[in-house]
Amino acid sequence: MVKGINANEPSLTARMDDIRSFLQYERVSSTDLVFTYGSVDAVRPDTAYDIGTHIDAVLVAPQVRFRTPYLKRYLANYPTIVQDIPMRLFGMMDPVQGGKMLTGILITLDLMRGSQAGAFATKAADKDLEILVYGASRTDKGWQAAAASLEKMGIRSLQDKYSLAGLYDFEPAHDFEVRWLFGPQVRTIDIAKVARQIDGVLRFDDEPADGVRRWYDDYKIPSAWLDARLVQSPGHTDELTAQLLDFLLAVDFRAEATSGIAVKRFETLKPPKTTKRWGIFTWSN
């Protein structure tokens, strides 16, 4: 069908790529249309941002249509259209006729997407705060006492173990104001995804040496280092509660002003290679 579009639509150029390579390397497309292919599992809560900001439409093959509702839920905050591929198109063997049919579908999807162009998920739109916690456990006596104290003030907590999948895909059983995520081991490859979701970082371990920057500093995410002794015993409940409250106020103020920050070394991907020729010599850069 891509060949059919290139052969019969003089005003359009199209090419194929796999979704992983496209998201990792694509910056400026060299064609009007890029068809990416991948498994239905390529669209997940932790990849929704990348898909939703780079892909205009997700076409679902007939054999995995049972996944369509999940894909729509994952991409609900983005203008990306999720659509089942018509059986007639999926079984089309004639590339020219298939290309024409596909072009018509794409025009319709483009109009649908245009009506949703204002949809975009941002951290500021999330009324709840999500905090990474290093060097403490939700079972620490001091922490439990402080969490109970905050709840008496109307600040309800949800306490989870950190995972990238859980960060994006969770359905709380009750309402909450703050979600504390304990024990984060954030991989470098996941930093950009984590930074888009969290609002603050709280540490009870050793502070870094002067001048040492952490990834959340680059993203201007508020952070604080508190004395580890505060969480080890309920005897410091008032002090820990006061410090947590001050931190949450600072985080909430910052979250309201967040407009989206990108850090080059975590988010800038390799530009596409360009090939040049001169006589018998060929080189890429």
C-alpha atoms as a PDB file:
ATOM      1  CA  MET A   1       0.000   0.000   0.000  1.00  0.00           C
ATOM      2  CA  VAL A   2       2.893   2.340   0.697  1.00  0.00           C
ATOM      3  CA  LYS A   3       4.211   1.546  -2.760  1.00  0.00           C
ATOM      4  CA  GLY A   4       0.729   2.199  -4.146  1.00  0.00           C
ATOM      5  CA  ILE A   5       0.607   5.636  -2.519  1.00  0.00           C
ATOM      6  CA  ASN A   6       4.051   6.551  -3.835  1.00  0.00           C
ATOM      7  CA  ALA A   7       3.145   5.343  -7.338  1.00  0.00           C
ATOM      8  CA  ASN A   8      -0.322   6.876  -7.651  1.00  0.00           C
ATOM      9  CA  GLU A   9      -0.363   9.941  -5.391  1.00  0.00           C
ATOM     10  CA  PRO A  10       2.052  12.469  -6.941  1.00  0.00           C
ATOM     11  CA  SER A  11       1.436  14.959  -4.147  1.00  0.00           C
ATOM     12  CA  LEU A  12       2.327  12.478  -1.381  1.00  0.00           C
ATOM     13  CA  THR A  13       5.414  10.537  -0.352  1.00  0.00           C
ATOM     14  CA  ALA A  14       5.270   7.660   2.124  1.00  0.00           C
ATOM     15  CA  ARG A  15       7.603   5.203   3.823  1.00  0.00           C
ATOM     16  CA  MET A  16       7.610   2.447   6.444  1.00  0.00           C
ATOM     17  CA  ASP A  17       9.486   2.217   9.735  1.00  0.00           C
ATOM     18  CA  ASP A  18       9.182   0.250  12.955  1.00  0.00           C
ATOM     19  CA  ILE A  19       7.701   2.177  15.862  1.00  0.00           C
ATOM     20  CA  ARG A  20      10.718   1.796  18.137  1.00  0.00           C
ATOM     21  CA  SER A  21      13.171   3.198  15.596  1.00  0.00           C
ATOM     22  CA  PHE A  22      10.782   5.986  14.665  1.00  0.00           C
ATOM     23  CA  LEU A  23      10.377   7.183  18.249  1.00  0.00           C
ATOM     24  CA  GLN A  24      14.074   6.823  18.991  1.00  0.00           C
ATOM     25  CA  TYR A  25      15.553   8.535  15.948  1.00  0.00           C
ATOM     26  CA  GLU A  26      12.880  10.518  14.089  1.00  0.00           C
ATOM     27  CA  ARG A  27      12.963  14.274  14.366  1.00  0.00           C
ATOM     28  CA  VAL A  28      12.144  15.757  10.972  1.00  0.00           C
ATOM     29  CA  SER A  29      10.405  13.378   8.589  1.00  0.00           C
ATOM     30  CA  SER A  30      11.742  13.095   5.067  1.00  0.00           C
ATOM     31  CA  THR A  31       8.294  12.086   3.724  1.00  0.00           C
ATOM     32  CA  ASP A  32       4.704  13.300   3.999  1.00  0.00           C
ATOM     33  CA  LEU A  33       3.511  10.036   5.545  1.00  0.00           C
ATOM     34  CA  VAL A  34       5.316   7.625   7.841  1.00  0.00           C
ATOM     35  CA  PHE A  35       3.665   4.284   8.551  1.00  0.00           C
ATOM     36  CA  THR A  36       5.123   2.690  11.652  1.00  0.00           C
ATOM     37  CA  TYR A  37       4.511  -0.914  12.586  1.00  0.00           C
ATOM     38  CA  GLY A  38       4.733  -2.683  15.920  1.00  0.00           C
ATOM     39  CA  SER A  39       2.883  -4.963  18.295  1.00  0.00           C
ATOM     40  CA  VAL A  40      -0.242  -3.818  20.087  1.00  0.00           C
ATOM     41  CA  ASP A  41       1.841  -3.807  23.293  1.00  0.00           C
ATOM     42  CA  ALA A  42       3.916  -0.920  21.938  1.00  0.00           C
ATOM     43  CA  VAL A  43       1.224   1.414  23.304  1.00  0.00           C
ATOM     44  CA  ARG A  44       1.462   1.334  27.098  1.00  0.00           C
ATOM     45  CA  PRO A  45       0.895   3.850  29.877  1.00  0.00           C
ATOM     46  CA  ASP A  46       4.632   4.598  30.022  1.00  0.00           C
ATOM     47  CA  THR A  47       4.872   5.108  26.235  1.00  0.00           C
ATOM     48  CA  ALA A  48       1.622   7.069  25.883  1.00  0.00           C
ATOM     49  CA  TYR A  49       3.417  10.432  25.958  1.00  0.00           C
ATOM     50  CA  ASP A  50       5.804   9.514  23.143  1.00  0.00           C
ATOM     51  CA  ILE A  51       3.038   7.947  21.050  1.00  0.00           C
ATOM     52  CA  GLY A  52       0.598  10.761  21.757  1.00  0.00           C
ATOM     53  CA  THR A  53       3.023  13.519  20.787  1.00  0.00           C
ATOM     54  CA  HIS A  54       4.530  11.885  17.679  1.00  0.00           C
ATOM     55  CA  ILE A  55       1.833   9.648  16.189  1.00  0.00           C
ATOM     56  CA  ASP A  56      -1.326  11.045  14.570  1.00  0.00           C
ATOM     57  CA  ALA A  57      -3.308   7.803  14.414  1.00  0.00           C
ATOM     58  CA  VAL A  58      -3.071   4.234  15.677  1.00  0.00           C
ATOM     59  CA  LEU A  59      -4.652   1.698  13.318  1.00  0.00           C
ATOM     60  CA  VAL A  60      -5.565  -1.583  15.008  1.00  0.00           C
ATOM     61  CA  ALA A  61      -5.514  -4.880  13.109  1.00  0.00           C
ATOM     62  CA  PRO A  62      -8.691  -7.034  13.250  1.00  0.00           C
ATOM     63  CA  GLN A  63      -7.073  -9.857  15.235  1.00  0.00           C
ATOM     64  CA  VAL A  64      -6.252  -7.543  18.163  1.00  0.00           C
ATOM     65  CA  ARG A  65      -9.377  -5.385  18.202  1.00  0.00           C
ATOM     66  CA  PHE A  66     -10.073  -6.542  21.735  1.00  0.00           C
ATOM     67  CA  ARG A  67      -7.219  -4.219  22.747  1.00  0.00           C
ATOM     68  CA  THR A  68      -8.759  -1.115  21.154  1.00  0.00           C
ATOM     69  CA  PRO A  69     -10.555   0.083  24.351  1.00  0.00           C
ATOM     70  CA  TYR A  70      -7.284  -0.140  26.296  1.00  0.00           C
ATOM     71  CA  LEU A  71      -5.377   1.814  23.634  1.00  0.00           C
ATOM     72  CA  LYS A  72      -8.037   4.515  23.653  1.00  0.00           C
ATOM     73  CA  ARG A  73      -7.799   4.757  27.427  1.00  0.00           C
ATOM     74  CA  TYR A  74      -4.012   5.067  27.371  1.00  0.00           C
ATOM     75  CA  LEU A  75      -4.165   7.827  24.720  1.00  0.00           C
ATOM     76  CA  ALA A  76      -7.269   9.596  26.035  1.00  0.00           C
ATOM     77  CA  ASN A  77      -5.309  12.739  26.967  1.00  0.00           C
ATOM     78  CA  TYR A  78      -3.728  13.128  23.539  1.00  0.00           C
ATOM     79  CA  PRO A  79      -5.068  14.041  20.074  1.00  0.00           C
ATOM     80  CA  THR A  80      -3.970  10.687  18.633  1.00  0.00           C
ATOM     81  CA  ILE A  81      -6.877   8.840  16.989  1.00  0.00           C
ATOM     82  CA  VAL A  82      -7.281   5.104  17.669  1.00  0.00           C
ATOM     83  CA  GLN A  83      -9.192   3.347  14.899  1.00  0.00           C
ATOM     84  CA  ASP A  84      -9.828  -0.267  13.893  1.00  0.00           C
ATOM     85  CA  ILE A  85      -8.600  -1.194  10.411  1.00  0.00           C
ATOM     86  CA  PRO A  86     -11.574  -2.149   8.191  1.00  0.00           C
ATOM     87  CA  MET A  87     -11.566  -5.837   7.289  1.00  0.00           C
ATOM     88  CA  ARG A  88     -11.762  -5.003   3.591  1.00  0.00           C
ATOM     89  CA  LEU A  89      -8.610  -2.869   3.778  1.00  0.00           C
ATOM     90  CA  PHE A  90      -6.742  -5.367   5.952  1.00  0.00           C
ATOM     91  CA  GLY A  91      -7.324  -8.124   3.390  1.00  0.00           C
ATOM     92  CA  MET A  92      -6.641  -5.957   0.343  1.00  0.00           C
ATOM     93  CA  MET A  93      -3.965  -7.513  -1.873  1.00  0.00           C
ATOM     94  CA  ASP A  94      -4.024  -4.853  -4.622  1.00  0.00           C
ATOM     95  CA  PRO A  95      -1.517  -2.177  -3.507  1.00  0.00           C
ATOM     96  CA  VAL A  96      -3.023   0.519  -5.743  1.00  0.00           C
ATOM     97  CA  GLN A  97      -6.614   0.018  -4.563  1.00  0.00           C
ATOM     98  CA  GLY A  98      -5.401  -0.463  -1.004  1.00  0.00           C
ATOM     99  CA  GLY A  99      -3.384   2.741  -1.205  1.00  0.00           C
ATOM    100  CA  LYS A 100      -6.412   4.696  -2.413  1.00  0.00           C
ATOM    101  CA  MET A 101      -8.619   3.271   0.332  1.00  0.00           C
ATOM    102  CA  LEU A 102      -5.985   3.970   2.963  1.00  0.00           C
ATOM    103  CA  THR A 103      -5.544   7.559   1.739  1.00  0.00           C
ATOM    104  CA  GLY A 104      -9.285   8.157   2.148  1.00  0.00           C
ATOM    105  CA  ILE A 105      -9.213   6.782   5.676  1.00  0.00           C
ATOM    106  CA  LEU A 106      -6.229   8.964   6.559  1.00  0.00           C
ATOM    107  CA  ILE A 107      -8.017  12.093   5.345  1.00  0.00           C
ATOM    108  CA  THR A 108     -10.962  11.267   7.611  1.00  0.00           C
ATOM    109  CA  LEU A 109      -8.651  10.596  10.559  1.00  0.00           C
ATOM    110  CA  ASP A 110      -6.808  13.863   9.932  1.00  0.00           C
ATOM    111  CA  LEU A 111     -10.077  15.778  10.168  1.00  0.00           C
ATOM    112  CA  MET A 112     -10.967  13.939  13.378  1.00  0.00           C
ATOM    113  CA  ARG A 113      -7.570  14.673  14.860  1.00  0.00           C
ATOM    114  CA  GLY A 114      -7.847  18.355  13.964  1.00  0.00           C
ATOM    115  CA  SER A 115     -10.940  18.636  16.137  1.00  0.00           C
ATOM    116  CA  GLN A 116      -8.928  17.280  19.103  1.00  0.00           C
ATOM    117  CA  ALA A 117      -5.746  19.254  18.527  1.00  0.00           C
ATOM    118  CA  GLY A 118      -6.154  21.131  21.803  1.00  0.00           C
ATOM    119  CA  ALA A 119      -6.017  17.958  23.868  1.00  0.00           C
ATOM    120  CA  PHE A 120      -2.725  17.524  25.653  1.00  0.00           C
ATOM    121  CA  ALA A 121      -1.757  16.048  28.985  1.00  0.00           C
ATOM    122  CA  THR A 122       0.422  18.151  31.252  1.00  0.00           C
ATOM    123  CA  LYS A 123       1.643  17.774  34.802  1.00  0.00           C
ATOM    124  CA  ALA A 124      -0.144  20.990  35.730  1.00  0.00           C
ATOM    125  CA  ALA A 125      -3.486  19.430  34.799  1.00  0.00           C
ATOM    126  CA  ASP A 126      -3.046  16.731  37.464  1.00  0.00           C
ATOM    127  CA  LYS A 127      -4.547  17.867  40.770  1.00  0.00           C
ATOM    128  CA  ASP A 128      -2.708  15.219  42.823  1.00  0.00           C
ATOM    129  CA  LEU A 129       0.970  15.321  43.749  1.00  0.00           C
ATOM    130  CA  GLU A 130       3.314  12.409  43.110  1.00  0.00           C
ATOM    131  CA  ILE A 131       6.537  12.262  45.115  1.00  0.00           C
ATOM    132  CA  LEU A 132       9.528   9.931  44.815  1.00  0.00           C
ATOM    133  CA  VAL A 133      10.926   8.957  48.225  1.00  0.00           C
ATOM    134  CA  TYR A 134      14.522   7.750  48.645  1.00  0.00           C
ATOM    135  CA  GLY A 135      16.001   6.238  51.792  1.00  0.00           C
ATOM    136  CA  ALA A 136      12.747   5.508  53.635  1.00  0.00           C
ATOM    137  CA  SER A 137      10.042   2.856  53.766  1.00  0.00           C
ATOM    138  CA  ARG A 138       6.292   3.195  54.098  1.00  0.00           C
ATOM    139  CA  THR A 139       6.554   0.773  57.041  1.00  0.00           C
ATOM    140  CA  ASP A 140       8.885   3.066  59.039  1.00  0.00           C
ATOM    141  CA  LYS A 141       7.207   3.981  62.335  1.00  0.00           C
ATOM    142  CA  GLY A 142       8.045   7.655  62.061  1.00  0.00           C
ATOM    143  CA  TRP A 143       6.740   7.831  58.511  1.00  0.00           C
ATOM    144  CA  GLN A 144       3.464   6.124  59.417  1.00  0.00           C
ATOM    145  CA  ALA A 145       2.912   8.559  62.282  1.00  0.00           C
ATOM    146  CA  ALA A 146       3.589  11.586  60.057  1.00  0.00           C
ATOM    147  CA  ALA A 147       1.301  10.264  57.300  1.00  0.00           C
ATOM    148  CA  ALA A 148      -1.481   9.844  59.862  1.00  0.00           C
ATOM    149  CA  SER A 149      -0.857  13.380  61.101  1.00  0.00           C
ATOM    150  CA  LEU A 150      -1.105  14.757  57.552  1.00  0.00           C
ATOM    151  CA  GLU A 151      -4.352  12.881  57.009  1.00  0.00           C
ATOM    152  CA  LYS A 152      -5.864  14.585  60.049  1.00  0.00           C
ATOM    153  CA  MET A 153      -5.114  17.855  58.240  1.00  0.00           C
ATOM    154  CA  GLY A 154      -7.024  16.628  55.190  1.00  0.00           C
ATOM    155  CA  ILE A 155      -3.965  15.537  53.185  1.00  0.00           C
ATOM    156  CA  ARG A 156      -4.731  11.936  52.267  1.00  0.00           C
ATOM    157  CA  SER A 157      -1.835   9.730  51.192  1.00  0.00           C
ATOM    158  CA  LEU A 158      -1.450   6.853  48.789  1.00  0.00           C
ATOM    159  CA  GLN A 159       1.763   4.899  49.407  1.00  0.00           C
ATOM    160  CA  ASP A 160       3.189   2.604  46.730  1.00  0.00           C
ATOM    161  CA  LYS A 161       6.422   0.944  45.733  1.00  0.00           C
ATOM    162  CA  TYR A 162       7.886   2.683  42.681  1.00  0.00           C
ATOM    163  CA  SER A 163       7.807   1.097  39.238  1.00  0.00           C
ATOM    164  CA  LEU A 164       7.669   2.823  35.872  1.00  0.00           C
ATOM    165  CA  ALA A 165       4.561   0.896  34.817  1.00  0.00           C
ATOM    166  CA  GLY A 166       2.855   1.602  38.136  1.00  0.00           C
ATOM    167  CA  LEU A 167       3.732   5.288  37.911  1.00  0.00           C
ATOM    168  CA  TYR A 168       1.568   5.674  34.829  1.00  0.00           C
ATOM    169  CA  ASP A 169      -0.998   2.896  35.104  1.00  0.00           C
ATOM    170  CA  PHE A 170      -2.781   2.658  38.431  1.00  0.00           C
ATOM    171  CA  GLU A 171      -6.371   2.843  39.619  1.00  0.00           C
ATOM    172  CA  PRO A 172      -6.544   3.998  43.253  1.00  0.00           C
ATOM    173  CA  ALA A 173      -9.236   2.521  45.448  1.00  0.00           C
ATOM    174  CA  HIS A 174      -9.832   5.870  47.171  1.00  0.00           C
ATOM    175  CA  ASP A 175      -9.209   9.578  46.637  1.00  0.00           C
ATOM    176  CA  PHE A 176      -5.914  11.075  47.707  1.00  0.00           C
ATOM    177  CA  GLU A 177      -3.928  14.305  47.634  1.00  0.00           C
ATOM    178  CA  VAL A 178      -0.375  12.917  47.654  1.00  0.00           C
ATOM    179  CA  ARG A 179       1.022   9.713  46.200  1.00  0.00           C
ATOM    180  CA  TRP A 180       4.336   8.675  47.754  1.00  0.00           C
ATOM    181  CA  LEU A 181       6.469   6.292  45.665  1.00  0.00           C
ATOM    182  CA  PHE A 182       9.158   4.499  47.679  1.00  0.00           C
ATOM    183  CA  GLY A 183      12.464   2.923  46.686  1.00  0.00           C
ATOM    184  CA  PRO A 184      12.866   4.365  43.194  1.00  0.00           C
ATOM    185  CA  GLN A 185      15.639   2.961  41.056  1.00  0.00           C
ATOM    186  CA  VAL A 186      15.215   5.210  38.036  1.00  0.00           C
ATOM    187  CA  ARG A 187      17.092   4.025  34.966  1.00  0.00           C
ATOM    188  CA  THR A 188      18.670   6.664  32.756  1.00  0.00           C
ATOM    189  CA  ILE A 189      16.537   5.522  29.826  1.00  0.00           C
ATOM    190  CA  ASP A 190      13.377   6.157  31.913  1.00  0.00           C
ATOM    191  CA  ILE A 191      14.294   9.570  33.328  1.00  0.00           C
ATOM    192  CA  ALA A 192      12.359  11.623  30.774  1.00  0.00           C
ATOM    193  CA  LYS A 193       9.205   9.548  31.350  1.00  0.00           C
ATOM    194  CA  VAL A 194       9.504   9.754  35.128  1.00  0.00           C
ATOM    195  CA  ALA A 195      10.156  13.505  35.056  1.00  0.00           C
ATOM    196  CA  ARG A 196       6.950  14.120  33.104  1.00  0.00           C
ATOM    197  CA  GLN A 197       4.878  12.500  35.837  1.00  0.00           C
ATOM    198  CA  ILE A 198       6.391  13.244  39.232  1.00  0.00           C
ATOM    199  CA  ASP A 199       6.149  16.538  41.091  1.00  0.00           C
ATOM    200  CA  GLY A 200       8.854  16.243  43.740  1.00  0.00           C
ATOM    201  CA  VAL A 201      11.705  14.158  45.176  1.00  0.00           C
ATOM    202  CA  LEU A 202      12.144  13.554  48.901  1.00  0.00           C
ATOM    203  CA  ARG A 203      15.345  12.011  50.244  1.00  0.00           C
ATOM    204  CA  PHE A 204      16.294  10.600  53.615  1.00  0.00           C
ATOM    205  CA  ASP A 205      19.709   9.343  52.463  1.00  0.00           C
ATOM    206  CA  ASP A 206      23.031  11.191  52.280  1.00  0.00           C
ATOM    207  CA  GLU A 207      23.074  14.506  50.457  1.00  0.00           C
ATOM    208  CA  PRO A 208      25.299  14.701  47.370  1.00  0.00           C
ATOM    209  CA  ALA A 209      28.554  16.617  47.477  1.00  0.00           C
ATOM    210  CA  ASP A 210      28.439  20.338  46.726  1.00  0.00           C
ATOM    211  CA  GLY A 211      28.018  21.036  43.036  1.00  0.00           C
ATOM    212  CA  VAL A 212      26.706  17.556  42.191  1.00  0.00           C
ATOM    213  CA  ARG A 213      23.498  17.784  40.184  1.00  0.00           C
ATOM    214  CA  ARG A 214      20.820  15.147  40.015  1.00  0.00           C
ATOM    215  CA  TRP A 215      18.531  14.548  37.054  1.00  0.00           C
ATOM    216  CA  TYR A 216      15.575  16.104  38.845  1.00  0.00           C
ATOM    217  CA  ASP A 217      17.601  19.286  39.351  1.00  0.00           C
ATOM    218  CA  ASP A 218      17.941  19.567  35.581  1.00  0.00           C
ATOM    219  CA  TYR A 219      14.167  19.208  35.239  1.00  0.00           C
ATOM    220  CA  LYS A 220      13.678  21.812  37.987  1.00  0.00           C
ATOM    221  CA  ILE A 221      11.696  19.327  40.067  1.00  0.00           C
ATOM    222  CA  PRO A 222      11.629  20.379  43.746  1.00  0.00           C
ATOM    223  CA  SER A 223      13.631  18.170  46.092  1.00  0.00           C
ATOM    224  CA  ALA A 224      14.492  18.051  49.785  1.00  0.00           C
ATOM    225  CA  TRP A 225      16.853  16.102  52.037  1.00  0.00           C
ATOM    226  CA  LEU A 226      15.527  15.348  55.521  1.00  0.00           C
ATOM    227  CA  ASP A 227      17.218  13.702  58.481  1.00  0.00           C
ATOM    228  CA  ALA A 228      16.754   9.914  58.295  1.00  0.00           C
ATOM    229  CA  ARG A 229      16.228   9.786  62.055  1.00  0.00           C
ATOM    230  CA  LEU A 230      12.874  11.515  61.572  1.00  0.00           C
ATOM    231  CA  VAL A 231      11.331   8.447  59.913  1.00  0.00           C
ATOM    232  CA  GLN A 232      12.867   5.856  62.205  1.00  0.00           C
ATOM    233  CA  SER A 233      10.933   6.764  65.337  1.00  0.00           C
ATOM    234  CA  PRO A 234       7.462   8.233  66.002  1.00  0.00           C
ATOM    235  CA  GLY A 235       9.083  10.508  68.568  1.00  0.00           C
ATOM    236  CA  HIS A 236       9.745  13.102  65.833  1.00  0.00           C
ATOM    237  CA  THR A 237       6.221  13.164  64.385  1.00  0.00           C
ATOM    238  CA  ASP A 238       5.596  16.891  64.812  1.00  0.00           C
ATOM    239  CA  GLU A 239       8.957  17.875  63.303  1.00  0.00           C
ATOM    240  CA  LEU A 240       8.624  15.481  60.356  1.00  0.00           C
ATOM    241  CA  THR A 241       5.022  16.510  59.712  1.00  0.00           C
ATOM    242  CA  ALA A 242       5.976  20.187  59.652  1.00  0.00           C
ATOM    243  CA  GLN A 243       8.854  19.565  57.221  1.00  0.00           C
ATOM    244  CA  LEU A 244       6.677  17.410  54.962  1.00  0.00           C
ATOM    245  CA  LEU A 245       4.001  20.090  54.934  1.00  0.00           C
ATOM    246  CA  ASP A 246       6.521  22.785  53.965  1.00  0.00           C
ATOM    247  CA  PHE A 247       7.849  20.551  51.190  1.00  0.00           C
ATOM    248  CA  LEU A 248       4.380  19.773  49.833  1.00  0.00           C
ATOM    249  CA  LEU A 249       3.502  23.470  49.729  1.00  0.00           C
ATOM    250  CA  ALA A 250       6.668  24.181  47.721  1.00  0.00           C
ATOM    251  CA  VAL A 251       5.976  21.259  45.380  1.00  0.00           C
ATOM    252  CA  ASP A 252       2.364  22.285  44.861  1.00  0.00           C
ATOM    253  CA  PHE A 253       3.385  25.846  44.016  1.00  0.00           C
ATOM    254  CA  ARG A 254       5.928  24.584  41.492  1.00  0.00           C
ATOM    255  CA  ALA A 255       3.519  22.055  39.958  1.00  0.00           C
ATOM    256  CA  GLU A 256       0.968  24.778  39.268  1.00  0.00           C
ATOM    257  CA  ALA A 257       3.583  26.665  37.238  1.00  0.00           C
ATOM    258  CA  THR A 258       4.980  23.662  35.354  1.00  0.00           C
ATOM    259  CA  SER A 259       4.793  24.062  31.583  1.00  0.00           C
ATOM    260  CA  GLY A 260       7.008  21.170  30.505  1.00  0.00           C
ATOM    261  CA  ILE A 261      10.801  21.064  30.564  1.00  0.00           C
ATOM    262  CA  ALA A 262      13.033  19.034  28.273  1.00  0.00           C
ATOM    263  CA  VAL A 263      16.642  18.208  29.139  1.00  0.00           C
ATOM    264  CA  LYS A 264      18.857  17.658  26.127  1.00  0.00           C
ATOM    265  CA  ARG A 265      20.964  14.756  27.358  1.00  0.00           C
ATOM    266  CA  PHE A 266      17.903  12.781  28.462  1.00  0.00           C
ATOM    267  CA  GLU A 267      15.521  13.614  25.621  1.00  0.00           C
ATOM    268  CA  THR A 268      17.460  14.682  22.533  1.00  0.00           C
ATOM    269  CA  LEU A 269      17.790  11.633  20.327  1.00  0.00           C
ATOM    270  CA  LYS A 270      20.140  10.972  17.467  1.00  0.00           C
ATOM    271  CA  PRO A 271      19.337  12.917  14.286  1.00  0.00           C
ATOM    272  CA  PRO A 272      18.624  10.856  11.174  1.00  0.00           C
ATOM    273  CA  LYS A 273      21.707  10.086   9.101  1.00  0.00           C
ATOM    274  CA  THR A 274      22.111  11.864   5.793  1.00  0.00           C
ATOM    275  CA  THR A 275      24.003  10.233   2.952  1.00  0.00           C
ATOM    276  CA  LYS A 276      26.116  12.301   0.584  1.00  0.00           C
ATOM    277  CA  ARG A 277      27.800  11.280  -2.644  1.00  0.00           C
ATOM    278  CA  TRP A 278      30.524  12.817  -4.747  1.00  0.00           C
ATOM    279  CA  GLY A 279      31.694  10.768  -7.662  1.00  0.00           C
ATOM    280  CA  ILE A 280      32.597   7.306  -6.429  1.00  0.00           C
ATOM    281  CA  PHE A 281      32.705   8.446  -2.782  1.00  0.00           C
ATOM    282  CA  THR A 282      29.792   8.018  -0.353  1.00  0.00           C
ATOM    283  CA  TRP A 283      29.647   9.103   3.280  1.00  0.00           C
ATOM    284  CA  SER A 284      27.102   9.617   6.054  1.00  0.00           C
ATOM    285  CA  ASN A 285      26.870  12.235   8.759  1.00  0.00           C
END
